[in-house]
Amino acid sequence: MSLSKDYKLPHIDRRETINLIALFVIPNAIFLSLAGYLNLARPLVNLDYFVAIAFLFARNKGLKAVGFLLFILSCLFDILMLVIQIFPFMDLSAIRYFMPFIWVAPKMYLIAMGLGTILTFGLPLILQKVFRQQNYFYLCAVSIVMILVGSVVRDFKYRDQHGVLARTNYYYTNSQAWLYYELTNSAFVAASTQKAQLVPLKADEQGASRHLKTPYASKILFVIVESLGAPKQPELQQELFKNITAQTDKLDFVEMGKNYALGATVQGELRELCGMDVRYGFGLGQLDSRSFSGCLPHKLTQSGYKTIAMHGSSGRLYDRYAWYPKADFQQTIFAEQLLGLELKRCAAFKGICDTELTQHVIPKQFQQHQNDKLFFYWLTLTAHAPYEEEDIVNKQRVDCTRFGMNPNGQLCHNMQLEAQTMDGIANLIKQPEMKGVEVMVVGDHIPPIMDNEDFRPLLHSGVSWLHFKIKD
């Protein structure tokens, strides 16, 4: 009697092989194409679908139901990890916050949401119907092998990209559900939600806001510029500001300098608006209004000013939607409030480009409040690290080689983007709505340079500021 037995693998023909490959490729191809169209980061292969499909095509009805649910969840996490790159959609409170803005979104967004909903619930049904005749042995085998192999190589990327909030997820294979879990438990999110403590800055650490003329002008535009450093070469600083300083015939005065700066953007905001620094975390929304009683917006509100704050990204970032009103900004303008205008977006946080705001929003706000005392605060965005080359409109605006910078390096791109923002501010000087406005422009922090270029010979440890007033 023989104790051995020959086992043969089930037969699979060419058509079944093609169908099996297509079954796993289709959902990944759809969402990868969507990510590519929107210029968002996504793994080439989302491993979640391999688990879902293994259950979806099981013989048992109960397992099929589990597979249907898993497939829906896989689609939702896939969509969520794309949406997060535009809007920080972290928890249920974020859902409540964003709901009012959905209905004023551009038609393209509404169509995308509708298609996403149809795709999430319709795709598993379509796949079940089209590929109902599947060799389940090979389907499970492929799923297991891909999950095992994908888990081993999940840290390898096909594109090296700096960023936060899922913008670095250019993996060959990974799980979008797992990436969401990692993101919501990351140090960035933890710092954003941890309750902060505000402490006063020393006298020599105060912001450029101390240079504002007193008594305060009836119209003030206060601009904190993302990653605006302080060049050691006076000629480079003048190059950045040249289209502003060239209009001295339209200005009562113009002055510039450099200022102390330490930390992240939020610390730059608190330095300039409140003369404060932050400790322990960036969850400023958890503080009460009394913590901001010494801030400039509160003082100006008490003096009868209309106070408005604007930022081209989502108000969810660093709780700005919550702490700006507590600092006594009576009105806030974030990307959500501007959805209906369909303004161009740039790479940084997929926020609205600075040039769009100087052209379409700021003059309109000053026109609307021409009879009010107005303090308009604008936190810029486009020059955020890693200083995307695609957002630079005119690369010849700053001749980086002339100033000793690598023309293909991050520092050069930073300077070109900063000059672009300054040119947008320069164009405001020509607008009739801006007559009589006092303008303060100051950097938030030293520009982070992550491509190993030695920036120390070129930049001071602080930030630049520019102060001028447009003639009446």
Protein backbone atom coordinates (compact mmCIF):
# COMPACT_ATOMS: atom_id res chain seq x y z
CA MET A 1 0.00 0.00 0.00
CA SER A 2 1.44 3.35 -1.05
CA LEU A 3 1.58 6.09 1.59
CA SER A 4 2.11 8.82 -0.98
CA LYS A 5 -0.45 10.54 -3.14
CA ASP A 6 -0.01 12.91 -6.03
CA TYR A 7 -1.66 16.30 -5.60
CA LYS A 8 -2.23 18.50 -8.60
CA LEU A 9 -2.93 22.19 -8.59
CA PRO A 10 -6.33 23.12 -10.01
CA HIS A 11 -6.23 23.94 -13.70
CA ILE A 12 -6.42 27.61 -14.65
CA ASP A 13 -6.69 28.69 -18.26
CA ARG A 14 -5.56 31.91 -19.92
CA ARG A 15 -8.93 33.63 -19.61
CA GLU A 16 -9.17 32.87 -15.89
CA THR A 17 -5.64 34.20 -15.40
CA ILE A 18 -6.48 37.47 -17.15
CA ASN A 19 -9.70 37.81 -15.15
CA LEU A 20 -7.85 37.16 -11.91
CA ILE A 21 -5.28 39.85 -12.68
CA ALA A 22 -7.98 42.30 -13.78
CA LEU A 23 -9.95 41.68 -10.59
CA PHE A 24 -7.12 43.03 -8.44
CA VAL A 25 -5.92 45.66 -10.90
CA ILE A 26 -9.26 47.43 -11.51
CA PRO A 27 -9.88 48.97 -8.05
CA ASN A 28 -6.23 49.96 -7.70
CA ALA A 29 -6.13 51.42 -11.22
CA ILE A 30 -9.27 53.49 -10.62
CA PHE A 31 -8.03 55.12 -7.42
CA LEU A 32 -4.47 55.46 -8.69
CA SER A 33 -5.77 57.29 -11.77
CA LEU A 34 -7.83 59.57 -9.53
CA ALA A 35 -4.77 60.31 -7.37
CA GLY A 36 -2.70 61.03 -10.47
CA TYR A 37 -5.33 63.36 -11.91
CA LEU A 38 -5.50 65.33 -8.65
CA ASN A 39 -1.72 65.15 -8.12
CA LEU A 40 -2.13 63.34 -4.80
CA ALA A 41 -0.02 60.64 -3.19
CA ARG A 42 -1.17 57.00 -3.16
CA PRO A 43 0.45 53.54 -3.03
CA LEU A 44 0.60 51.86 -6.44
CA VAL A 45 -1.06 48.82 -4.86
CA ASN A 46 -3.47 49.09 -1.94
CA LEU A 47 -3.29 45.76 -0.12
CA ASP A 48 -6.72 46.26 1.48
CA TYR A 49 -8.44 45.08 -1.70
CA PHE A 50 -6.69 41.70 -1.61
CA VAL A 51 -8.27 40.93 1.77
CA ALA A 52 -11.68 42.24 0.71
CA ILE A 53 -11.73 40.35 -2.62
CA ALA A 54 -10.73 37.06 -0.95
CA PHE A 55 -13.89 37.28 1.16
CA LEU A 56 -16.05 38.81 -1.58
CA PHE A 57 -15.70 35.73 -3.82
CA ALA A 58 -16.05 33.12 -1.09
CA ARG A 59 -18.67 30.40 -1.55
CA ASN A 60 -20.29 31.10 1.81
CA LYS A 61 -22.92 33.88 1.78
CA GLY A 62 -21.86 35.12 5.19
CA LEU A 63 -18.26 35.47 4.06
CA LYS A 64 -19.46 37.23 0.90
CA ALA A 65 -21.28 39.77 3.07
CA VAL A 66 -18.10 40.30 5.09
CA GLY A 67 -16.20 40.77 1.82
CA PHE A 68 -18.74 43.32 0.59
CA LEU A 69 -18.34 45.31 3.83
CA LEU A 70 -14.53 45.06 3.69
CA PHE A 71 -14.52 46.25 0.08
CA ILE A 72 -16.64 49.28 0.97
CA LEU A 73 -14.29 50.07 3.86
CA SER A 74 -11.28 49.67 1.54
CA CYS A 75 -12.79 52.19 -0.88
CA LEU A 76 -13.64 54.58 1.95
CA PHE A 77 -10.10 54.49 3.35
CA ASP A 78 -8.72 54.95 -0.17
CA ILE A 79 -10.91 58.02 -0.67
CA LEU A 80 -10.20 59.29 2.85
CA MET A 81 -6.43 59.15 2.39
CA LEU A 82 -6.80 61.28 -0.76
CA VAL A 83 -9.21 63.77 0.82
CA ILE A 84 -6.94 64.21 3.86
CA GLN A 85 -4.28 65.65 1.57
CA ILE A 86 -6.65 68.51 0.72
CA PHE A 87 -8.66 68.78 3.94
CA PRO A 88 -7.41 67.35 7.27
CA PHE A 89 -10.30 64.96 7.84
CA MET A 90 -9.19 63.33 11.08
CA ASP A 91 -12.22 62.65 13.24
CA LEU A 92 -15.99 62.98 13.61
CA SER A 93 -15.69 66.62 14.65
CA ALA A 94 -14.02 67.25 11.29
CA ILE A 95 -17.06 65.78 9.54
CA ARG A 96 -19.33 68.21 11.39
CA TYR A 97 -16.99 71.09 10.56
CA PHE A 98 -16.83 70.36 6.81
CA MET A 99 -20.52 69.52 6.24
CA PRO A 100 -21.70 73.15 5.72
CA PHE A 101 -19.06 73.67 3.02
CA ILE A 102 -19.97 70.64 0.91
CA TRP A 103 -22.96 72.32 -0.71
CA VAL A 104 -20.99 75.37 -1.83
CA ALA A 105 -18.18 73.29 -3.30
CA PRO A 106 -17.37 73.59 -7.02
CA LYS A 107 -19.34 71.30 -9.33
CA MET A 108 -16.19 69.24 -9.95
CA TYR A 109 -16.00 68.43 -6.22
CA LEU A 110 -19.70 67.56 -6.04
CA ILE A 111 -19.43 65.33 -9.10
CA ALA A 112 -16.35 63.65 -7.61
CA MET A 113 -18.21 63.01 -4.34
CA GLY A 114 -21.16 61.56 -6.22
CA LEU A 115 -18.94 59.31 -8.33
CA GLY A 116 -17.01 58.27 -5.23
CA THR A 117 -20.23 57.21 -3.50
CA ILE A 118 -21.42 55.26 -6.55
CA LEU A 119 -17.99 53.68 -6.93
CA THR A 120 -17.77 52.65 -3.28
CA PHE A 121 -21.05 50.75 -3.27
CA GLY A 122 -21.29 49.84 -6.94
CA LEU A 123 -17.81 48.52 -7.66
CA PRO A 124 -18.02 45.38 -5.48
CA LEU A 125 -21.37 44.48 -7.07
CA ILE A 126 -19.97 45.00 -10.57
CA LEU A 127 -16.88 42.92 -9.83
CA GLN A 128 -19.01 40.12 -8.39
CA LYS A 129 -21.17 40.04 -11.50
CA VAL A 130 -18.45 40.39 -14.14
CA PHE A 131 -15.96 38.03 -12.50
CA ARG A 132 -18.38 35.61 -10.83
CA GLN A 133 -16.68 32.55 -12.35
CA GLN A 134 -13.41 32.62 -10.44
CA ASN A 135 -10.95 29.91 -9.51
CA TYR A 136 -11.14 30.51 -5.76
CA PHE A 137 -7.98 28.56 -4.98
CA TYR A 138 -5.79 30.86 -7.08
CA LEU A 139 -7.71 33.94 -5.95
CA CYS A 140 -6.87 33.16 -2.32
CA ALA A 141 -3.32 32.17 -3.21
CA VAL A 142 -2.67 35.46 -5.02
CA SER A 143 -4.24 37.41 -2.14
CA ILE A 144 -2.07 35.71 0.47
CA VAL A 145 1.14 36.02 -1.55
CA MET A 146 0.52 39.71 -2.36
CA ILE A 147 -0.30 40.54 1.26
CA LEU A 148 2.86 38.77 2.50
CA VAL A 149 5.14 40.25 -0.16
CA GLY A 150 3.50 43.67 0.09
CA SER A 151 3.96 43.72 3.87
CA VAL A 152 7.67 43.00 3.48
CA VAL A 153 8.28 45.80 0.94
CA ARG A 154 5.71 48.26 2.30
CA ASP A 155 8.34 50.87 3.25
CA PHE A 156 9.76 51.21 -0.27
CA LYS A 157 8.66 54.23 -2.32
CA TYR A 158 8.60 55.04 -6.01
CA ARG A 159 8.85 58.78 -5.32
CA ASP A 160 10.72 60.62 -2.59
CA GLN A 161 8.56 63.46 -1.32
CA HIS A 162 8.58 65.59 1.82
CA GLY A 163 5.30 66.52 3.44
CA VAL A 164 2.67 65.76 6.06
CA LEU A 165 -0.88 64.45 6.10
CA ALA A 166 -0.45 61.52 3.65
CA ARG A 167 1.41 63.59 1.05
CA THR A 168 4.41 61.26 1.22
CA ASN A 169 2.49 58.02 0.59
CA TYR A 170 4.18 57.14 -2.70
CA TYR A 171 4.65 53.49 -1.73
CA TYR A 172 4.87 50.58 -4.14
CA THR A 173 2.51 48.60 -1.89
CA ASN A 174 0.80 49.44 1.37
CA SER A 175 -2.52 49.40 3.17
CA GLN A 176 -4.48 52.64 3.09
CA ALA A 177 -6.34 51.57 6.24
CA TRP A 178 -3.02 51.02 8.04
CA LEU A 179 -1.64 54.32 6.76
CA TYR A 180 -4.71 56.08 8.15
CA TYR A 181 -4.11 54.43 11.53
CA GLU A 182 -0.45 55.49 11.47
CA LEU A 183 -1.40 59.03 10.49
CA THR A 184 -3.97 59.49 13.24
CA ASN A 185 -1.42 58.25 15.78
CA SER A 186 1.50 60.26 14.40
CA ALA A 187 3.51 62.86 16.30
CA PHE A 188 2.17 65.57 13.95
CA VAL A 189 -1.46 64.83 14.82
CA ALA A 190 -0.63 64.33 18.51
CA ALA A 191 1.07 67.74 18.67
CA SER A 192 -1.86 69.33 16.83
CA THR A 193 -4.35 68.02 19.37
CA GLN A 194 -2.35 68.24 22.61
CA LYS A 195 -3.45 71.14 24.80
CA ALA A 196 -1.02 74.03 24.56
CA GLN A 197 0.31 76.46 27.12
CA LEU A 198 1.13 80.04 26.13
CA VAL A 199 4.12 81.81 27.68
CA PRO A 200 5.26 85.43 27.16
CA LEU A 201 8.28 86.09 24.96
CA LYS A 202 11.26 88.04 26.26
CA ALA A 203 11.70 91.63 25.13
CA ASP A 204 14.38 90.72 22.56
CA GLU A 205 12.18 87.94 21.13
CA GLN A 206 9.16 90.09 20.28
CA GLY A 207 7.80 90.13 16.74
CA ALA A 208 7.96 92.69 13.96
CA SER A 209 4.44 93.78 14.93
CA ARG A 210 6.10 96.12 17.43
CA HIS A 211 7.10 98.27 14.43
CA LEU A 212 3.47 99.12 13.60
CA LYS A 213 2.86 102.83 13.93
CA THR A 214 0.88 104.07 16.93
CA PRO A 215 -1.77 105.23 17.12
CA TYR A 216 -2.68 102.41 14.78
CA ALA A 217 -3.66 103.18 11.19
CA SER A 218 -7.34 102.80 10.35
CA LYS A 219 -6.50 100.10 7.79
CA ILE A 220 -3.83 97.44 8.44
CA LEU A 221 -2.81 94.49 6.29
CA PHE A 222 -0.64 92.16 8.37
CA VAL A 223 1.01 89.35 6.39
CA ILE A 224 2.94 86.44 7.91
CA VAL A 225 4.81 84.81 5.04
CA GLU A 226 5.50 81.10 5.05
CA SER A 227 9.25 80.27 5.27
CA LEU A 228 10.47 83.80 4.55
CA GLY A 229 14.08 83.79 5.74
CA ALA A 230 16.51 86.66 6.20
CA PRO A 231 19.18 86.67 3.46
CA LYS A 232 22.68 87.65 4.56
CA GLN A 233 23.20 89.41 1.23
CA PRO A 234 21.35 92.76 1.28
CA GLU A 235 21.11 92.53 -2.51
CA LEU A 236 19.11 89.29 -2.25
CA GLN A 237 16.67 90.78 0.25
CA GLN A 238 16.27 93.80 -2.01
CA GLU A 239 15.67 91.46 -4.95
CA LEU A 240 12.75 89.85 -3.11
CA PHE A 241 11.16 93.21 -2.27
CA LYS A 242 12.16 95.17 -5.39
CA ASN A 243 8.69 95.45 -6.96
CA ILE A 244 7.40 96.91 -3.69
CA THR A 245 10.28 99.30 -3.01
CA ALA A 246 10.21 100.45 -6.65
CA GLN A 247 6.87 102.13 -5.91
CA THR A 248 8.11 104.64 -3.32
CA ASP A 249 6.13 107.37 -5.08
CA LYS A 250 2.98 105.56 -3.91
CA LEU A 251 4.24 104.97 -0.34
CA ASP A 252 4.43 107.22 2.72
CA PHE A 253 7.39 105.21 4.02
CA VAL A 254 9.11 101.86 3.59
CA GLU A 255 11.45 100.10 6.01
CA MET A 256 12.84 96.59 6.33
CA GLY A 257 14.91 94.44 8.66
CA LYS A 258 15.28 91.01 10.24
CA ASN A 259 13.63 89.60 13.33
CA TYR A 260 14.02 86.82 15.88
CA ALA A 261 12.19 83.62 14.95
CA LEU A 262 12.15 80.13 16.41
CA GLY A 263 9.91 77.13 15.88
CA ALA A 264 7.05 76.33 13.53
CA THR A 265 4.44 78.47 11.78
CA VAL A 266 2.08 78.53 14.77
CA GLN A 267 4.89 79.89 16.92
CA GLY A 268 5.49 82.59 14.34
CA GLU A 269 1.81 83.52 14.46
CA LEU A 270 1.77 83.72 18.24
CA ARG A 271 5.00 85.75 18.24
CA GLU A 272 3.54 88.36 15.92
CA LEU A 273 -0.09 88.44 17.05
CA CYS A 274 0.32 87.89 20.78
CA GLY A 275 3.96 88.26 21.83
CA MET A 276 3.72 84.70 23.10
CA ASP A 277 5.31 81.29 22.56
CA VAL A 278 3.64 77.90 22.86
CA ARG A 279 4.65 74.90 24.95
CA TYR A 280 3.72 71.18 25.00
CA GLY A 281 1.54 71.06 21.88
CA PHE A 282 -0.39 72.98 19.24
CA GLY A 283 -3.94 72.27 20.40
CA LEU A 284 -4.69 75.97 20.73
CA GLY A 285 -8.40 75.41 20.18
CA GLN A 286 -8.61 73.83 23.63
CA LEU A 287 -7.58 77.09 25.32
CA ASP A 288 -10.17 79.61 26.46
CA SER A 289 -10.43 83.18 25.19
CA ARG A 290 -8.65 84.58 28.25
CA SER A 291 -5.40 83.00 27.04
CA PHE A 292 -5.52 85.36 24.03
CA SER A 293 -6.55 88.54 25.85
CA GLY A 294 -3.18 90.19 25.18
CA CYS A 295 -3.25 89.53 21.45
CA LEU A 296 -3.32 92.31 18.88
CA PRO A 297 -6.70 91.33 17.32
CA HIS A 298 -8.32 91.56 20.77
CA LYS A 299 -6.82 94.98 21.44
CA LEU A 300 -7.95 96.26 18.05
CA THR A 301 -11.44 94.81 18.45
CA GLN A 302 -11.70 96.73 21.71
CA SER A 303 -10.77 99.85 19.71
CA GLY A 304 -13.58 99.35 17.20
CA TYR A 305 -11.73 97.54 14.41
CA LYS A 306 -13.18 94.86 12.19
CA THR A 307 -10.71 91.96 12.50
CA ILE A 308 -10.41 89.32 9.76
CA ALA A 309 -8.00 86.38 9.43
CA MET A 310 -7.33 84.51 6.18
CA HIS A 311 -5.36 81.36 5.31
CA GLY A 312 -5.43 79.46 2.02
CA SER A 313 -5.54 76.02 3.63
CA SER A 314 -8.14 74.36 5.82
CA GLY A 315 -9.12 75.90 9.14
CA ARG A 316 -8.69 72.45 10.70
CA LEU A 317 -4.91 72.72 10.52
CA TYR A 318 -3.63 73.55 13.99
CA ASP A 319 -7.17 74.31 15.19
CA ARG A 320 -7.15 77.71 13.48
CA TYR A 321 -10.92 77.53 12.95
CA ALA A 322 -11.20 77.38 16.76
CA TRP A 323 -8.44 79.59 18.14
CA TYR A 324 -8.64 82.46 15.65
CA PRO A 325 -12.09 83.49 16.98
CA LYS A 326 -10.78 83.14 20.55
CA ALA A 327 -7.99 85.57 19.64
CA ASP A 328 -10.83 87.93 18.67
CA PHE A 329 -10.83 87.58 14.90
CA GLN A 330 -14.45 88.40 14.13
CA GLN A 331 -14.30 86.74 10.70
CA THR A 332 -12.18 83.88 9.37
CA ILE A 333 -11.56 82.98 5.74
CA PHE A 334 -10.16 79.53 5.01
CA ALA A 335 -10.10 77.32 1.93
CA GLU A 336 -13.53 76.00 2.92
CA GLN A 337 -15.13 79.44 2.77
CA LEU A 338 -13.56 80.06 -0.65
CA LEU A 339 -14.70 76.84 -2.32
CA GLY A 340 -17.37 78.58 -4.37
CA LEU A 341 -14.81 80.86 -6.07
CA GLU A 342 -13.00 77.90 -7.67
CA LEU A 343 -9.60 79.51 -7.12
CA LYS A 344 -6.42 77.77 -8.31
CA ARG A 345 -4.74 75.50 -5.80
CA CYS A 346 -1.01 75.03 -5.30
CA ALA A 347 0.97 72.03 -4.07
CA ALA A 348 1.42 73.18 -0.46
CA PHE A 349 -1.35 71.44 1.52
CA LYS A 350 -3.33 71.62 -1.73
CA GLY A 351 -4.27 75.09 -0.53
CA ILE A 352 -5.31 78.12 -2.55
CA CYS A 353 -2.35 79.81 -4.24
CA ASP A 354 -1.17 83.05 -2.65
CA THR A 355 -1.36 84.83 -6.00
CA GLU A 356 -5.06 84.00 -6.21
CA LEU A 357 -5.71 85.59 -2.82
CA THR A 358 -3.86 88.82 -3.61
CA GLN A 359 -5.70 89.09 -6.90
CA HIS A 360 -9.24 88.02 -6.04
CA VAL A 361 -9.82 88.18 -2.27
CA ILE A 362 -7.80 90.86 -0.46
CA PRO A 363 -8.83 93.88 -2.61
CA LYS A 364 -12.46 92.80 -2.39
CA GLN A 365 -12.29 92.59 1.41
CA PHE A 366 -10.81 96.07 1.72
CA GLN A 367 -13.44 97.40 -0.69
CA GLN A 368 -16.25 95.84 1.36
CA HIS A 369 -14.89 97.41 4.55
CA GLN A 370 -13.86 100.78 3.16
CA ASN A 371 -15.93 102.56 5.81
CA ASP A 372 -14.62 100.43 8.71
CA LYS A 373 -11.43 100.41 10.69
CA LEU A 374 -9.92 97.15 9.47
CA PHE A 375 -7.21 94.76 10.65
CA PHE A 376 -6.77 92.11 7.96
CA TYR A 377 -4.41 89.26 8.84
CA TRP A 378 -3.15 86.91 6.12
CA LEU A 379 -1.06 83.80 6.71
CA THR A 380 0.44 82.79 3.35
CA LEU A 381 0.99 79.20 2.22
CA THR A 382 2.49 78.64 -1.24
CA ALA A 383 6.15 78.88 -0.17
CA HIS A 384 5.78 75.96 2.26
CA ALA A 385 8.53 73.33 2.21
CA PRO A 386 9.52 71.49 0.05
CA TYR A 387 8.93 74.53 -2.26
CA GLU A 388 7.29 72.84 -5.22
CA GLU A 389 8.81 73.79 -8.56
CA GLU A 390 5.44 73.43 -10.28
CA ASP A 391 4.12 76.45 -8.34
CA ILE A 392 6.88 78.80 -9.55
CA VAL A 393 5.41 81.02 -12.25
CA ASN A 394 8.65 82.74 -13.33
CA LYS A 395 11.96 81.01 -12.62
CA GLN A 396 13.86 83.99 -14.01
CA ARG A 397 12.42 86.28 -11.32
CA VAL A 398 15.35 85.43 -9.00
CA ASP A 399 18.71 84.57 -10.59
CA CYS A 400 19.83 82.00 -8.02
CA THR A 401 23.27 81.47 -9.55
CA ARG A 402 24.03 85.17 -9.11
CA PHE A 403 23.44 84.85 -5.36
CA GLY A 404 25.37 81.61 -4.91
CA MET A 405 22.39 79.25 -4.74
CA ASN A 406 21.93 75.95 -6.53
CA PRO A 407 19.36 76.82 -9.25
CA ASN A 408 17.76 73.39 -8.82
CA GLY A 409 17.87 73.40 -5.02
CA GLN A 410 15.18 74.00 -2.41
CA LEU A 411 16.67 77.29 -1.24
CA CYS A 412 16.48 78.70 -4.76
CA HIS A 413 12.90 77.51 -5.18
CA ASN A 414 12.04 79.02 -1.80
CA MET A 415 13.39 82.40 -2.87
CA GLN A 416 11.56 82.25 -6.20
CA LEU A 417 8.27 81.48 -4.45
CA GLU A 418 8.86 84.25 -1.89
CA ALA A 419 9.53 86.75 -4.69
CA GLN A 420 6.29 85.60 -6.30
CA THR A 421 4.35 86.32 -3.11
CA MET A 422 6.03 89.72 -2.77
CA ASP A 423 5.09 90.58 -6.34
CA GLY A 424 1.48 89.79 -5.50
CA ILE A 425 1.68 92.19 -2.55
CA ALA A 426 3.35 94.76 -4.83
CA ASN A 427 0.34 94.59 -7.14
CA LEU A 428 -1.93 95.44 -4.21
CA ILE A 429 -0.26 98.85 -3.92
CA LYS A 430 -1.75 99.79 -7.31
CA GLN A 431 -5.31 98.91 -6.27
CA PRO A 432 -7.53 101.89 -5.37
CA GLU A 433 -9.10 99.86 -2.53
CA MET A 434 -5.72 99.73 -0.78
CA LYS A 435 -5.10 103.47 -0.42
CA GLY A 436 -4.10 104.45 3.12
CA VAL A 437 -3.37 100.86 4.20
CA GLU A 438 -0.40 100.21 6.47
CA VAL A 439 1.26 96.91 5.54
CA MET A 440 3.50 94.68 7.64
CA VAL A 441 5.10 91.65 5.97
CA VAL A 442 7.15 89.23 8.10
CA GLY A 443 8.34 85.63 7.91
CA ASP A 444 7.08 82.96 10.26
CA HIS A 445 10.28 80.90 10.58
CA ILE A 446 13.57 80.07 8.90
CA PRO A 447 12.94 78.08 5.69
CA PRO A 448 13.57 74.34 6.26
CA ILE A 449 16.07 73.11 3.65
CA MET A 450 16.01 69.33 3.28
CA ASP A 451 18.19 68.66 0.22
CA ASN A 452 21.55 68.96 2.03
CA GLU A 453 22.42 72.36 0.53
CA ASP A 454 24.36 74.39 3.08
CA PHE A 455 22.19 77.48 3.58
CA ARG A 456 24.10 78.89 6.56
CA PRO A 457 26.36 81.16 4.46
CA LEU A 458 23.25 82.61 2.80
CA LEU A 459 20.67 83.02 5.59
CA HIS A 460 20.57 84.61 9.03
CA SER A 461 18.95 82.69 11.89
CA GLY A 462 15.90 84.96 11.85
CA VAL A 463 13.26 86.15 9.37
CA SER A 464 12.85 89.19 7.12
CA TRP A 465 10.26 91.89 7.62
CA LEU A 466 9.06 94.74 5.40
CA HIS A 467 6.90 97.61 6.61
CA PHE A 468 5.29 100.31 4.49
CA LYS A 469 2.19 102.44 4.15
CA ILE A 470 0.32 103.13 0.93
CA LYS A 471 -0.49 106.78 0.35
CA ASP A 472 -4.10 107.94 0.63
